[in-house]
Amino acid sequence: QEQLVESGGGLVQAGGSLKLSCTASGRILSGVHIGWFRQAPGREREFVAAIARGGLSTRYSDSVRGRFTISRSNMKNTVYLQMNNLKPEDTAVYYCGLTTVVFSARPTPLERDFSAWGQGTQVTVSS
């Protein structure tokens, strides 16, 4: 079963930055759209950001817009999530998933449209 691999999480103080990476072995990511979701303890997984396969179209949740940037390098078969000005409420396990659903067709990309979730990477922001 194909699975993506997330990395780059860690512990950071409020106002700090982290850059997450999402990659895959044995799967070319250039042909699919990629989304980042996160799940905090006791809460459902929520959408964070998504990028189309060509990299020209992106989508962000209201809570991260202006602070997070999603990008991709198809040459490196990797999608990134640059997170700046982190807040304690950003603390969660971050997951990436892939989809062929055109996410611009929905007001908010849905978790059920994505697959190949990895193990996630923990992001902890201290106040």
Protein backbone atom coordinates (compact mmCIF):
# COMPACT_ATOMS: atom_id res chain seq x y z
CA GLN A 1 0.00 0.00 0.00
CA GLU A 2 1.50 3.29 -1.02
CA GLN A 3 2.10 5.77 1.73
CA LEU A 4 3.51 9.23 1.93
CA VAL A 5 6.20 10.18 4.45
CA GLU A 6 6.05 13.37 6.48
CA SER A 7 9.04 14.91 8.24
CA GLY A 8 10.33 18.15 9.68
CA GLY A 9 8.22 18.51 12.79
CA GLY A 10 9.58 19.49 16.17
CA LEU A 11 9.29 21.73 19.18
CA VAL A 12 9.39 25.47 18.60
CA GLN A 13 8.50 28.60 20.54
CA ALA A 14 5.57 30.76 19.55
CA GLY A 15 6.58 33.04 16.70
CA GLY A 16 9.07 30.52 15.37
CA SER A 17 9.17 28.61 12.08
CA LEU A 18 9.28 25.05 10.83
CA LYS A 19 9.35 23.53 7.36
CA LEU A 20 7.61 20.22 6.83
CA SER A 21 8.31 17.86 3.96
CA CYS A 22 6.12 15.27 2.30
CA THR A 23 7.64 12.71 0.00
CA ALA A 24 7.06 9.20 -1.31
CA SER A 25 9.12 6.28 -2.41
CA GLY A 26 7.97 4.42 -5.46
CA ARG A 27 5.34 7.01 -6.27
CA ILE A 28 5.73 10.04 -8.51
CA LEU A 29 3.92 12.95 -6.92
CA SER A 30 3.90 15.25 -9.93
CA GLY A 31 0.64 13.78 -11.22
CA VAL A 32 -1.43 14.29 -8.07
CA HIS A 33 -2.60 17.10 -5.85
CA ILE A 34 -1.22 17.12 -2.31
CA GLY A 35 -2.87 18.31 0.87
CA TRP A 36 -1.68 18.92 4.40
CA PHE A 37 -4.04 18.22 7.27
CA ARG A 38 -3.48 18.30 11.02
CA GLN A 39 -4.98 16.67 14.04
CA ALA A 40 -4.74 18.00 17.56
CA PRO A 41 -5.47 15.80 20.61
CA GLY A 42 -9.18 15.25 21.02
CA ARG A 43 -10.03 16.93 17.74
CA GLU A 44 -10.84 15.79 14.24
CA ARG A 45 -8.34 16.01 11.44
CA GLU A 46 -8.63 19.39 9.73
CA PHE A 47 -7.53 20.84 6.44
CA VAL A 48 -4.45 23.10 6.43
CA ALA A 49 -3.26 23.62 2.85
CA ALA A 50 -3.31 22.03 -0.58
CA ILE A 51 -1.41 22.42 -3.82
CA ALA A 52 -2.37 21.32 -7.30
CA ARG A 53 -0.18 18.96 -9.25
CA GLY A 54 1.17 21.76 -11.42
CA GLY A 55 1.93 23.90 -8.39
CA LEU A 56 0.04 26.91 -9.71
CA SER A 57 -3.06 26.53 -7.57
CA THR A 58 -3.01 26.52 -3.78
CA ARG A 59 -5.59 26.64 -1.01
CA TYR A 60 -5.25 27.50 2.68
CA SER A 61 -7.46 27.31 5.71
CA ASP A 62 -8.39 30.66 7.22
CA SER A 63 -6.40 29.85 10.36
CA VAL A 64 -3.06 29.56 8.54
CA ARG A 65 -3.44 31.84 5.54
CA GLY A 66 -0.68 34.45 5.51
CA ARG A 67 1.53 32.40 7.85
CA PHE A 68 1.94 29.07 6.03
CA THR A 69 3.12 28.47 2.48
CA ILE A 70 2.73 25.23 0.55
CA SER A 71 5.06 24.51 -2.34
CA ARG A 72 6.35 21.58 -4.32
CA SER A 73 9.43 20.43 -6.14
CA ASN A 74 8.50 17.79 -8.64
CA MET A 75 12.18 17.27 -9.39
CA LYS A 76 12.69 16.28 -5.76
CA ASN A 77 9.33 14.52 -5.58
CA THR A 78 8.58 16.54 -2.46
CA VAL A 79 5.90 18.89 -1.19
CA TYR A 80 6.74 21.41 1.51
CA LEU A 81 4.83 23.32 4.14
CA GLN A 82 6.67 26.39 5.38
CA MET A 83 5.15 27.46 8.68
CA ASN A 84 5.99 30.91 10.03
CA ASN A 85 4.78 32.84 13.06
CA LEU A 86 3.68 29.62 14.70
CA LYS A 87 1.11 29.76 17.47
CA PRO A 88 0.36 27.31 20.29
CA GLU A 89 -2.91 26.46 18.55
CA ASP A 90 -0.88 25.09 15.62
CA THR A 91 0.24 22.23 17.85
CA ALA A 92 -0.86 18.98 16.19
CA VAL A 93 0.26 15.98 14.22
CA TYR A 94 0.58 17.04 10.59
CA TYR A 95 -0.25 14.64 7.77
CA CYS A 96 0.01 14.83 4.00
CA GLY A 97 -2.23 13.01 1.58
CA LEU A 98 -2.70 12.82 -2.16
CA THR A 99 -5.75 13.17 -4.34
CA THR A 100 -6.85 13.39 -7.94
CA VAL A 101 -9.96 15.36 -6.96
CA VAL A 102 -9.79 18.94 -8.10
CA PHE A 103 -9.90 20.60 -4.70
CA SER A 104 -10.89 23.96 -6.13
CA ALA A 105 -14.29 22.43 -6.77
CA ARG A 106 -15.03 22.42 -3.03
CA PRO A 107 -15.16 25.30 -0.54
CA THR A 108 -12.80 23.29 1.65
CA PRO A 109 -10.85 20.20 0.59
CA LEU A 110 -12.24 17.14 2.30
CA GLU A 111 -10.18 14.57 4.15
CA ARG A 112 -12.13 11.74 2.53
CA ASP A 113 -10.87 12.81 -0.91
CA PHE A 114 -7.25 12.19 0.11
CA SER A 115 -5.37 8.94 0.62
CA ALA A 116 -1.93 7.44 1.22
CA TRP A 117 -1.62 9.17 4.57
CA GLY A 118 1.72 8.80 6.30
CA GLN A 119 2.47 8.41 10.00
CA GLY A 120 2.45 12.15 10.48
CA THR A 121 4.97 14.50 12.05
CA GLN A 122 4.45 16.15 15.42
CA VAL A 123 4.55 19.93 15.65
CA THR A 124 4.56 21.42 19.14
CA VAL A 125 4.48 25.16 19.69
CA SER A 126 5.19 26.41 23.19
CA SER A 127 3.89 29.71 24.48
